[in-house]
Amino acid sequence: QMLNYEESILIFNQVASAIKFIESVEKKMDRPAAQPPADD
């Protein structure tokens, strides 16, 4: 017996929000670290 509409929407919003946040973290981690200036 399928879950009701309202609770299904709540689950979708929770999962989609987690995915979006994780993707933003991944993009941040994928950025190359800033290189310090050379000694000279």
PDB file of all heavy atoms in Angstrom:
ATOM      1  N   GLN A   1       0.866  -1.165   0.000  1.00  0.00           N
ATOM      2  CA  GLN A   1       0.000   0.000   0.000  1.00  0.00           C
ATOM      3  C   GLN A   1       0.909   1.223   0.000  1.00  0.00           C
ATOM      4  O   GLN A   1       1.743   1.392   0.882  1.00  0.00           O
ATOM      5  CB  GLN A   1      -0.887   0.012   1.253  1.00  0.00           C
ATOM      6  CG  GLN A   1      -1.862   1.176   1.331  1.00  0.00           C
ATOM      7  CD  GLN A   1      -2.973   1.088   0.306  1.00  0.00           C
ATOM      8  OE1 GLN A   1      -3.427  -0.010  -0.022  1.00  0.00           O
ATOM      9  NE2 GLN A   1      -3.395   2.231  -0.201  1.00  0.00           N
ATOM     10  N   MET A   2       0.776   2.092  -1.022  1.00  0.00           N
ATOM     11  CA  MET A   2       1.701   3.215  -1.154  1.00  0.00           C
ATOM     12  C   MET A   2       1.507   4.251  -0.046  1.00  0.00           C
ATOM     13  O   MET A   2       0.401   4.450   0.453  1.00  0.00           O
ATOM     14  CB  MET A   2       1.529   3.894  -2.516  1.00  0.00           C
ATOM     15  CG  MET A   2       2.066   3.104  -3.682  1.00  0.00           C
ATOM     16  SD  MET A   2       2.181   4.108  -5.186  1.00  0.00           S
ATOM     17  CE  MET A   2       0.471   4.573  -5.419  1.00  0.00           C
ATOM     18  N   LEU A   3       2.613   4.931   0.274  1.00  0.00           N
ATOM     19  CA  LEU A   3       2.577   6.018   1.233  1.00  0.00           C
ATOM     20  C   LEU A   3       1.726   7.160   0.677  1.00  0.00           C
ATOM     21  O   LEU A   3       1.612   7.334  -0.543  1.00  0.00           O
ATOM     22  CB  LEU A   3       4.000   6.500   1.502  1.00  0.00           C
ATOM     23  CG  LEU A   3       4.206   7.518   2.629  1.00  0.00           C
ATOM     24  CD1 LEU A   3       3.846   6.903   3.977  1.00  0.00           C
ATOM     25  CD2 LEU A   3       5.648   8.015   2.636  1.00  0.00           C
ATOM     26  N   ASN A   4       1.155   7.975   1.562  1.00  0.00           N
ATOM     27  CA  ASN A   4       0.303   9.075   1.105  1.00  0.00           C
ATOM     28  C   ASN A   4       1.122  10.179   0.439  1.00  0.00           C
ATOM     29  O   ASN A   4       2.345  10.262   0.574  1.00  0.00           O
ATOM     30  CB  ASN A   4      -0.518   9.637   2.278  1.00  0.00           C
ATOM     31  CG  ASN A   4       0.359  10.265   3.347  1.00  0.00           C
ATOM     32  OD1 ASN A   4       1.001  11.285   3.138  1.00  0.00           O
ATOM     33  ND2 ASN A   4       0.397   9.627   4.521  1.00  0.00           N
ATOM     34  N   TYR A   5       0.418  11.036  -0.287  1.00  0.00           N
ATOM     35  CA  TYR A   5       1.039  12.098  -1.092  1.00  0.00           C
ATOM     36  C   TYR A   5       1.870  13.057  -0.244  1.00  0.00           C
ATOM     37  O   TYR A   5       3.026  13.356  -0.564  1.00  0.00           O
ATOM     38  CB  TYR A   5      -0.056  12.868  -1.834  1.00  0.00           C
ATOM     39  CG  TYR A   5       0.432  14.100  -2.567  1.00  0.00           C
ATOM     40  CD1 TYR A   5       0.924  14.004  -3.868  1.00  0.00           C
ATOM     41  CD2 TYR A   5       0.397  15.355  -1.955  1.00  0.00           C
ATOM     42  CE1 TYR A   5       1.369  15.132  -4.542  1.00  0.00           C
ATOM     43  CE2 TYR A   5       0.850  16.491  -2.627  1.00  0.00           C
ATOM     44  CZ  TYR A   5       1.328  16.369  -3.914  1.00  0.00           C
ATOM     45  OH  TYR A   5       1.779  17.490  -4.581  1.00  0.00           O
ATOM     46  N   GLU A   6       1.277  13.571   0.845  1.00  0.00           N
ATOM     47  CA  GLU A   6       1.940  14.597   1.643  1.00  0.00           C
ATOM     48  C   GLU A   6       3.264  14.107   2.231  1.00  0.00           C
ATOM     49  O   GLU A   6       4.280  14.818   2.191  1.00  0.00           O
ATOM     50  CB  GLU A   6       1.017  15.069   2.779  1.00  0.00           C
ATOM     51  CG  GLU A   6      -0.185  15.869   2.329  1.00  0.00           C
ATOM     52  CD  GLU A   6      -1.302  15.004   1.755  1.00  0.00           C
ATOM     53  OE1 GLU A   6      -1.235  13.759   1.932  1.00  0.00           O
ATOM     54  OE2 GLU A   6      -2.220  15.567   1.138  1.00  0.00           O
ATOM     55  N   GLU A   7       3.279  12.882   2.755  1.00  0.00           N
ATOM     56  CA  GLU A   7       4.517  12.355   3.330  1.00  0.00           C
ATOM     57  C   GLU A   7       5.536  12.030   2.240  1.00  0.00           C
ATOM     58  O   GLU A   7       6.754  12.144   2.456  1.00  0.00           O
ATOM     59  CB  GLU A   7       4.208  11.135   4.192  1.00  0.00           C
ATOM     60  CG  GLU A   7       3.443  11.482   5.465  1.00  0.00           C
ATOM     61  CD  GLU A   7       3.200  10.279   6.356  1.00  0.00           C
ATOM     62  OE1 GLU A   7       4.137   9.477   6.545  1.00  0.00           O
ATOM     63  OE2 GLU A   7       2.068  10.143   6.862  1.00  0.00           O
ATOM     64  N   SER A   8       5.049  11.646   1.075  1.00  0.00           N
ATOM     65  CA  SER A   8       5.964  11.387  -0.048  1.00  0.00           C
ATOM     66  C   SER A   8       6.676  12.663  -0.470  1.00  0.00           C
ATOM     67  O   SER A   8       7.886  12.659  -0.751  1.00  0.00           O
ATOM     68  CB  SER A   8       5.188  10.804  -1.232  1.00  0.00           C
ATOM     69  OG  SER A   8       4.598   9.571  -0.890  1.00  0.00           O
ATOM     70  N   ILE A   9       5.925  13.773  -0.515  1.00  0.00           N
ATOM     71  CA  ILE A   9       6.529  15.071  -0.849  1.00  0.00           C
ATOM     72  C   ILE A   9       7.583  15.453   0.186  1.00  0.00           C
ATOM     73  O   ILE A   9       8.670  15.938  -0.150  1.00  0.00           O
ATOM     74  CB  ILE A   9       5.447  16.170  -0.936  1.00  0.00           C
ATOM     75  CG1 ILE A   9       4.621  16.000  -2.216  1.00  0.00           C
ATOM     76  CG2 ILE A   9       6.068  17.560  -0.889  1.00  0.00           C
ATOM     77  CD1 ILE A   9       5.373  16.276  -3.496  1.00  0.00           C
ATOM     78  N   LEU A  10       7.275  15.226   1.456  1.00  0.00           N
ATOM     79  CA  LEU A  10       8.231  15.532   2.521  1.00  0.00           C
ATOM     80  C   LEU A  10       9.519  14.744   2.336  1.00  0.00           C
ATOM     81  O   LEU A  10      10.630  15.279   2.469  1.00  0.00           O
ATOM     82  CB  LEU A  10       7.610  15.223   3.886  1.00  0.00           C
ATOM     83  CG  LEU A  10       8.498  15.460   5.110  1.00  0.00           C
ATOM     84  CD1 LEU A  10       8.882  16.932   5.227  1.00  0.00           C
ATOM     85  CD2 LEU A  10       7.795  14.988   6.385  1.00  0.00           C
ATOM     86  N   ILE A  11       9.404  13.461   2.022  1.00  0.00           N
ATOM     87  CA  ILE A  11      10.586  12.616   1.806  1.00  0.00           C
ATOM     88  C   ILE A  11      11.384  13.126   0.612  1.00  0.00           C
ATOM     89  O   ILE A  11      12.624  13.247   0.668  1.00  0.00           O
ATOM     90  CB  ILE A  11      10.171  11.145   1.597  1.00  0.00           C
ATOM     91  CG1 ILE A  11       9.638  10.572   2.918  1.00  0.00           C
ATOM     92  CG2 ILE A  11      11.346  10.315   1.084  1.00  0.00           C
ATOM     93  CD1 ILE A  11       9.004   9.201   2.773  1.00  0.00           C
ATOM     94  N   PHE A  12      10.698  13.449  -0.472  1.00  0.00           N
ATOM     95  CA  PHE A  12      11.387  13.960  -1.660  1.00  0.00           C
ATOM     96  C   PHE A  12      12.165  15.232  -1.331  1.00  0.00           C
ATOM     97  O   PHE A  12      13.311  15.400  -1.756  1.00  0.00           O
ATOM     98  CB  PHE A  12      10.384  14.232  -2.787  1.00  0.00           C
ATOM     99  CG  PHE A  12      10.379  13.173  -3.852  1.00  0.00           C
ATOM    100  CD1 PHE A  12       9.492  12.122  -3.785  1.00  0.00           C
ATOM    101  CD2 PHE A  12      11.271  13.230  -4.905  1.00  0.00           C
ATOM    102  CE1 PHE A  12       9.487  11.136  -4.760  1.00  0.00           C
ATOM    103  CE2 PHE A  12      11.278  12.263  -5.888  1.00  0.00           C
ATOM    104  CZ  PHE A  12      10.385  11.206  -5.818  1.00  0.00           C
ATOM    105  N   ASN A  13      11.536  16.143  -0.594  1.00  0.00           N
ATOM    106  CA  ASN A  13      12.204  17.401  -0.270  1.00  0.00           C
ATOM    107  C   ASN A  13      13.433  17.178   0.604  1.00  0.00           C
ATOM    108  O   ASN A  13      14.474  17.822   0.417  1.00  0.00           O
ATOM    109  CB  ASN A  13      11.231  18.350   0.418  1.00  0.00           C
ATOM    110  CG  ASN A  13      10.349  19.098  -0.574  1.00  0.00           C
ATOM    111  OD1 ASN A  13      10.833  19.580  -1.594  1.00  0.00           O
ATOM    112  ND2 ASN A  13       9.071  19.183  -0.292  1.00  0.00           N
ATOM    113  N   GLN A  14      13.350  16.255   1.561  1.00  0.00           N
ATOM    114  CA  GLN A  14      14.482  15.961   2.432  1.00  0.00           C
ATOM    115  C   GLN A  14      15.645  15.365   1.639  1.00  0.00           C
ATOM    116  O   GLN A  14      16.806  15.769   1.803  1.00  0.00           O
ATOM    117  CB  GLN A  14      14.053  14.998   3.537  1.00  0.00           C
ATOM    118  CG  GLN A  14      13.135  15.599   4.581  1.00  0.00           C
ATOM    119  CD  GLN A  14      13.833  16.628   5.461  1.00  0.00           C
ATOM    120  OE1 GLN A  14      14.969  16.425   5.878  1.00  0.00           O
ATOM    121  NE2 GLN A  14      13.159  17.716   5.733  1.00  0.00           N
ATOM    122  N   VAL A  15      15.344  14.408   0.781  1.00  0.00           N
ATOM    123  CA  VAL A  15      16.395  13.735   0.014  1.00  0.00           C
ATOM    124  C   VAL A  15      17.011  14.682  -1.011  1.00  0.00           C
ATOM    125  O   VAL A  15      18.243  14.754  -1.154  1.00  0.00           O
ATOM    126  CB  VAL A  15      15.836  12.464  -0.666  1.00  0.00           C
ATOM    127  CG1 VAL A  15      16.878  11.856  -1.605  1.00  0.00           C
ATOM    128  CG2 VAL A  15      15.419  11.437   0.396  1.00  0.00           C
ATOM    129  N   ALA A  16      16.169  15.431  -1.737  1.00  0.00           N
ATOM    130  CA  ALA A  16      16.689  16.357  -2.746  1.00  0.00           C
ATOM    131  C   ALA A  16      17.551  17.437  -2.103  1.00  0.00           C
ATOM    132  O   ALA A  16      18.588  17.833  -2.653  1.00  0.00           O
ATOM    133  CB  ALA A  16      15.539  16.990  -3.522  1.00  0.00           C
ATOM    134  N   SER A  17      17.155  17.900  -0.915  1.00  0.00           N
ATOM    135  CA  SER A  17      17.942  18.905  -0.207  1.00  0.00           C
ATOM    136  C   SER A  17      19.304  18.350   0.192  1.00  0.00           C
ATOM    137  O   SER A  17      20.333  19.038   0.067  1.00  0.00           O
ATOM    138  CB  SER A  17      17.181  19.364   1.044  1.00  0.00           C
ATOM    139  OG  SER A  17      17.942  20.273   1.795  1.00  0.00           O
ATOM    140  N   ALA A  18      19.341  17.097   0.641  1.00  0.00           N
ATOM    141  CA  ALA A  18      20.620  16.474   1.018  1.00  0.00           C
ATOM    142  C   ALA A  18      21.530  16.329  -0.198  1.00  0.00           C
ATOM    143  O   ALA A  18      22.737  16.600  -0.124  1.00  0.00           O
ATOM    144  CB  ALA A  18      20.362  15.107   1.657  1.00  0.00           C
ATOM    145  N   ILE A  19      20.951  15.906  -1.321  1.00  0.00           N
ATOM    146  CA  ILE A  19      21.747  15.749  -2.543  1.00  0.00           C
ATOM    147  C   ILE A  19      22.341  17.080  -2.969  1.00  0.00           C
ATOM    148  O   ILE A  19      23.532  17.175  -3.325  1.00  0.00           O
ATOM    149  CB  ILE A  19      20.888  15.153  -3.676  1.00  0.00           C
ATOM    150  CG1 ILE A  19      20.511  13.704  -3.360  1.00  0.00           C
ATOM    151  CG2 ILE A  19      21.635  15.217  -5.016  1.00  0.00           C
ATOM    152  CD1 ILE A  19      19.513  13.098  -4.330  1.00  0.00           C
ATOM    153  N   LYS A  20      21.523  18.139  -2.945  1.00  0.00           N
ATOM    154  CA  LYS A  20      22.012  19.455  -3.375  1.00  0.00           C
ATOM    155  C   LYS A  20      23.151  19.925  -2.477  1.00  0.00           C
ATOM    156  O   LYS A  20      24.161  20.456  -2.968  1.00  0.00           O
ATOM    157  CB  LYS A  20      20.872  20.466  -3.363  1.00  0.00           C
ATOM    158  CG  LYS A  20      21.303  21.832  -3.881  1.00  0.00           C
ATOM    159  CD  LYS A  20      20.142  22.765  -4.079  1.00  0.00           C
ATOM    160  CE  LYS A  20      20.612  24.094  -4.670  1.00  0.00           C
ATOM    161  NZ  LYS A  20      19.488  25.009  -4.945  1.00  0.00           N
ATOM    162  N   PHE A  21      23.019  19.732  -1.164  1.00  0.00           N
ATOM    163  CA  PHE A  21      24.081  20.157  -0.259  1.00  0.00           C
ATOM    164  C   PHE A  21      25.367  19.359  -0.517  1.00  0.00           C
ATOM    165  O   PHE A  21      26.465  19.921  -0.577  1.00  0.00           O
ATOM    166  CB  PHE A  21      23.663  20.000   1.199  1.00  0.00           C
ATOM    167  CG  PHE A  21      24.772  20.310   2.159  1.00  0.00           C
ATOM    168  CD1 PHE A  21      25.135  21.622   2.419  1.00  0.00           C
ATOM    169  CD2 PHE A  21      25.487  19.290   2.774  1.00  0.00           C
ATOM    170  CE1 PHE A  21      26.184  21.913   3.285  1.00  0.00           C
ATOM    171  CE2 PHE A  21      26.537  19.572   3.634  1.00  0.00           C
ATOM    172  CZ  PHE A  21      26.882  20.894   3.894  1.00  0.00           C
ATOM    173  N   ILE A  22      25.216  18.044  -0.668  1.00  0.00           N
ATOM    174  CA  ILE A  22      26.387  17.201  -0.906  1.00  0.00           C
ATOM    175  C   ILE A  22      27.097  17.618  -2.189  1.00  0.00           C
ATOM    176  O   ILE A  22      28.333  17.673  -2.247  1.00  0.00           O
ATOM    177  CB  ILE A  22      25.972  15.718  -0.963  1.00  0.00           C
ATOM    178  CG1 ILE A  22      25.589  15.226   0.454  1.00  0.00           C
ATOM    179  CG2 ILE A  22      27.090  14.854  -1.541  1.00  0.00           C
ATOM    180  CD1 ILE A  22      24.956  13.859   0.470  1.00  0.00           C
ATOM    181  N   GLU A  23      26.331  17.942  -3.234  1.00  0.00           N
ATOM    182  CA  GLU A  23      26.954  18.369  -4.488  1.00  0.00           C
ATOM    183  C   GLU A  23      27.738  19.662  -4.305  1.00  0.00           C
ATOM    184  O   GLU A  23      28.806  19.839  -4.894  1.00  0.00           O
ATOM    185  CB  GLU A  23      25.884  18.535  -5.559  1.00  0.00           C
ATOM    186  CG  GLU A  23      25.334  17.206  -6.069  1.00  0.00           C
ATOM    187  CD  GLU A  23      24.358  17.383  -7.208  1.00  0.00           C
ATOM    188  OE1 GLU A  23      23.733  18.464  -7.282  1.00  0.00           O
ATOM    189  OE2 GLU A  23      24.220  16.461  -8.018  1.00  0.00           O
ATOM    190  N   SER A  24      27.206  20.573  -3.474  1.00  0.00           N
ATOM    191  CA  SER A  24      27.936  21.823  -3.233  1.00  0.00           C
ATOM    192  C   SER A  24      29.235  21.549  -2.478  1.00  0.00           C
ATOM    193  O   SER A  24      30.269  22.180  -2.745  1.00  0.00           O
ATOM    194  CB  SER A  24      27.049  22.809  -2.453  1.00  0.00           C
ATOM    195  OG  SER A  24      26.841  22.375  -1.121  1.00  0.00           O
ATOM    196  N   VAL A  25      29.204  20.603  -1.541  1.00  0.00           N
ATOM    197  CA  VAL A  25      30.422  20.233  -0.808  1.00  0.00           C
ATOM    198  C   VAL A  25      31.433  19.607  -1.758  1.00  0.00           C
ATOM    199  O   VAL A  25      32.642  19.905  -1.693  1.00  0.00           O
ATOM    200  CB  VAL A  25      30.085  19.255   0.340  1.00  0.00           C
ATOM    201  CG1 VAL A  25      31.363  18.692   0.964  1.00  0.00           C
ATOM    202  CG2 VAL A  25      29.246  19.945   1.412  1.00  0.00           C
ATOM    203  N   GLU A  26      30.960  18.741  -2.646  1.00  0.00           N
ATOM    204  CA  GLU A  26      31.856  18.084  -3.602  1.00  0.00           C
ATOM    205  C   GLU A  26      32.528  19.097  -4.522  1.00  0.00           C
ATOM    206  O   GLU A  26      33.726  19.000  -4.803  1.00  0.00           O
ATOM    207  CB  GLU A  26      31.079  17.057  -4.432  1.00  0.00           C
ATOM    208  CG  GLU A  26      30.738  15.791  -3.667  1.00  0.00           C
ATOM    209  CD  GLU A  26      31.974  14.989  -3.298  1.00  0.00           C
ATOM    210  OE1 GLU A  26      32.860  14.818  -4.159  1.00  0.00           O
ATOM    211  OE2 GLU A  26      32.067  14.547  -2.145  1.00  0.00           O
ATOM    212  N   LYS A  27      31.762  20.086  -4.992  1.00  0.00           N
ATOM    213  CA  LYS A  27      32.347  21.116  -5.859  1.00  0.00           C
ATOM    214  C   LYS A  27      33.426  21.888  -5.124  1.00  0.00           C
ATOM    215  O   LYS A  27      34.478  22.218  -5.679  1.00  0.00           O
ATOM    216  CB  LYS A  27      31.252  22.063  -6.350  1.00  0.00           C
ATOM    217  CG  LYS A  27      30.331  21.463  -7.395  1.00  0.00           C
ATOM    218  CD  LYS A  27      29.272  22.457  -7.830  1.00  0.00           C
ATOM    219  CE  LYS A  27      28.334  21.832  -8.850  1.00  0.00           C
ATOM    220  NZ  LYS A  27      27.259  22.786  -9.253  1.00  0.00           N
ATOM    221  N   LYS A  28      33.162  22.170  -3.862  1.00  0.00           N
ATOM    222  CA  LYS A  28      34.143  22.890  -3.051  1.00  0.00           C
ATOM    223  C   LYS A  28      35.410  22.059  -2.865  1.00  0.00           C
ATOM    224  O   LYS A  28      36.535  22.571  -2.964  1.00  0.00           O
ATOM    225  CB  LYS A  28      33.527  23.235  -1.696  1.00  0.00           C
ATOM    226  CG  LYS A  28      34.414  24.040  -0.775  1.00  0.00           C
ATOM    227  CD  LYS A  28      33.689  24.359   0.521  1.00  0.00           C
ATOM    228  CE  LYS A  28      34.590  25.101   1.495  1.00  0.00           C
ATOM    229  NZ  LYS A  28      33.892  25.381   2.772  1.00  0.00           N
ATOM    230  N   MET A  29      35.236  20.752  -2.620  1.00  0.00           N
ATOM    231  CA  MET A  29      36.394  19.878  -2.427  1.00  0.00           C
ATOM    232  C   MET A  29      37.178  19.672  -3.721  1.00  0.00           C
ATOM    233  O   MET A  29      38.388  19.430  -3.691  1.00  0.00           O
ATOM    234  CB  MET A  29      35.931  18.524  -1.877  1.00  0.00           C
ATOM    235  CG  MET A  29      35.377  18.588  -0.459  1.00  0.00           C
ATOM    236  SD  MET A  29      34.620  17.030   0.065  1.00  0.00           S
ATOM    237  CE  MET A  29      36.064  15.966   0.169  1.00  0.00           C
ATOM    238  N   ASP A  30      36.483  19.776  -4.852  1.00  0.00           N
ATOM    239  CA  ASP A  30      37.148  19.554  -6.146  1.00  0.00           C
ATOM    240  C   ASP A  30      37.971  20.746  -6.603  1.00  0.00           C
ATOM    241  O   ASP A  30      38.809  20.612  -7.497  1.00  0.00           O
ATOM    242  CB  ASP A  30      36.107  19.239  -7.226  1.00  0.00           C
ATOM    243  CG  ASP A  30      35.507  17.841  -7.067  1.00  0.00           C
ATOM    244  OD1 ASP A  30      36.119  17.020  -6.364  1.00  0.00           O
ATOM    245  OD2 ASP A  30      34.424  17.590  -7.635  1.00  0.00           O
ATOM    246  N   ARG A  31      37.698  21.926  -6.010  1.00  0.00           N
ATOM    247  CA  ARG A  31      38.457  23.097  -6.426  1.00  0.00           C
ATOM    248  C   ARG A  31      39.917  22.948  -6.034  1.00  0.00           C
ATOM    249  O   ARG A  31      40.231  22.538  -4.918  1.00  0.00           O
ATOM    250  CB  ARG A  31      37.909  24.365  -5.763  1.00  0.00           C
ATOM    251  CG  ARG A  31      36.526  24.752  -6.224  1.00  0.00           C
ATOM    252  CD  ARG A  31      36.178  26.156  -5.733  1.00  0.00           C
ATOM    253  NE  ARG A  31      34.744  26.353  -5.762  1.00  0.00           N
ATOM    254  CZ  ARG A  31      33.973  26.493  -4.684  1.00  0.00           C
ATOM    255  NH1 ARG A  31      34.525  26.454  -3.486  1.00  0.00           N
ATOM    256  NH2 ARG A  31      32.685  26.677  -4.800  1.00  0.00           N
ATOM    257  N   PRO A  32      40.847  23.316  -6.929  1.00  0.00           N
ATOM    258  CA  PRO A  32      42.268  23.221  -6.567  1.00  0.00           C
ATOM    259  C   PRO A  32      42.603  24.196  -5.454  1.00  0.00           C
ATOM    260  O   PRO A  32      42.085  25.317  -5.411  1.00  0.00           O
ATOM    261  CB  PRO A  32      42.998  23.590  -7.868  1.00  0.00           C
ATOM    262  CG  PRO A  32      41.991  24.368  -8.658  1.00  0.00           C
ATOM    263  CD  PRO A  32      40.641  23.804  -8.301  1.00  0.00           C
ATOM    264  N   ALA A  33      43.423  23.746  -4.537  1.00  0.00           N
ATOM    265  CA  ALA A  33      43.831  24.605  -3.422  1.00  0.00           C
ATOM    266  C   ALA A  33      44.683  25.760  -3.940  1.00  0.00           C
ATOM    267  O   ALA A  33      45.461  25.612  -4.886  1.00  0.00           O
ATOM    268  CB  ALA A  33      44.605  23.794  -2.395  1.00  0.00           C
ATOM    269  N   ALA A  34      44.521  26.921  -3.334  1.00  0.00           N
ATOM    270  CA  ALA A  34      45.330  28.082  -3.722  1.00  0.00           C
ATOM    271  C   ALA A  34      46.794  27.809  -3.419  1.00  0.00           C
ATOM    272  O   ALA A  34      47.137  27.316  -2.341  1.00  0.00           O
ATOM    273  CB  ALA A  34      44.850  29.323  -2.966  1.00  0.00           C
ATOM    274  N   GLN A  35      47.649  28.122  -4.363  1.00  0.00           N
ATOM    275  CA  GLN A  35      49.074  27.883  -4.194  1.00  0.00           C
ATOM    276  C   GLN A  35      49.734  29.071  -3.497  1.00  0.00           C
ATOM    277  O   GLN A  35      49.503  30.225  -3.863  1.00  0.00           O
ATOM    278  CB  GLN A  35      49.739  27.658  -5.556  1.00  0.00           C
ATOM    279  CG  GLN A  35      49.232  26.409  -6.274  1.00  0.00           C
ATOM    280  CD  GLN A  35      49.543  25.146  -5.491  1.00  0.00           C
ATOM    281  OE1 GLN A  35      50.643  24.984  -4.968  1.00  0.00           O
ATOM    282  NE2 GLN A  35      48.563  24.263  -5.395  1.00  0.00           N
ATOM    283  N   PRO A  36      50.569  28.826  -2.486  1.00  0.00           N
ATOM    284  CA  PRO A  36      51.277  29.937  -1.831  1.00  0.00           C
ATOM    285  C   PRO A  36      52.285  30.557  -2.781  1.00  0.00           C
ATOM    286  O   PRO A  36      52.781  29.896  -3.699  1.00  0.00           O
ATOM    287  CB  PRO A  36      51.982  29.247  -0.653  1.00  0.00           C
ATOM    288  CG  PRO A  36      52.145  27.831  -1.091  1.00  0.00           C
ATOM    289  CD  PRO A  36      50.939  27.514  -1.938  1.00  0.00           C
ATOM    290  N   PRO A  37      52.588  31.840  -2.632  1.00  0.00           N
ATOM    291  CA  PRO A  37      53.563  32.467  -3.521  1.00  0.00           C
ATOM    292  C   PRO A  37      54.940  31.837  -3.342  1.00  0.00           C
ATOM    293  O   PRO A  37      55.278  31.336  -2.273  1.00  0.00           O
ATOM    294  CB  PRO A  37      53.561  33.935  -3.064  1.00  0.00           C
ATOM    295  CG  PRO A  37      53.069  33.886  -1.648  1.00  0.00           C
ATOM    296  CD  PRO A  37      52.097  32.744  -1.591  1.00  0.00           C
ATOM    297  N   ALA A  38      55.712  31.860  -4.401  1.00  0.00           N
ATOM    298  CA  ALA A  38      57.082  31.329  -4.338  1.00  0.00           C
ATOM    299  C   ALA A  38      57.908  32.164  -3.375  1.00  0.00           C
ATOM    300  O   ALA A  38      57.614  33.336  -3.112  1.00  0.00           O
ATOM    301  CB  ALA A  38      57.703  31.357  -5.736  1.00  0.00           C
ATOM    302  N   ASP A  39      58.991  31.558  -2.844  1.00  0.00           N
ATOM    303  CA  ASP A  39      59.814  32.234  -1.847  1.00  0.00           C
ATOM    304  C   ASP A  39      60.385  33.551  -2.360  1.00  0.00           C
ATOM    305  O   ASP A  39      60.609  34.490  -1.606  1.00  0.00           O
ATOM    306  CB  ASP A  39      60.971  31.326  -1.412  1.00  0.00           C
ATOM    307  CG  ASP A  39      60.457  30.120  -0.622  1.00  0.00           C
ATOM    308  OD1 ASP A  39      59.336  30.206  -0.096  1.00  0.00           O
ATOM    309  OD2 ASP A  39      61.193  29.126  -0.543  1.00  0.00           O
ATOM    310  N   ASP A  40      60.643  33.607  -3.694  1.00  0.00           N
ATOM    311  CA  ASP A  40      61.257  34.815  -4.235  1.00  0.00           C
ATOM    312  C   ASP A  40      60.233  35.782  -4.804  1.00  0.00           C
ATOM    313  O   ASP A  40      60.576  36.741  -5.498  1.00  0.00           O
ATOM    314  CB  ASP A  40      62.281  34.457  -5.318  1.00  0.00           C
ATOM    315  CG  ASP A  40      61.624  33.712  -6.475  1.00  0.00           C
ATOM    316  OD1 ASP A  40      60.450  33.304  -6.339  1.00  0.00           O
ATOM    317  OD2 ASP A  40      62.300  33.540  -7.511  1.00  0.00           O
TER     318      ASP A  40
END
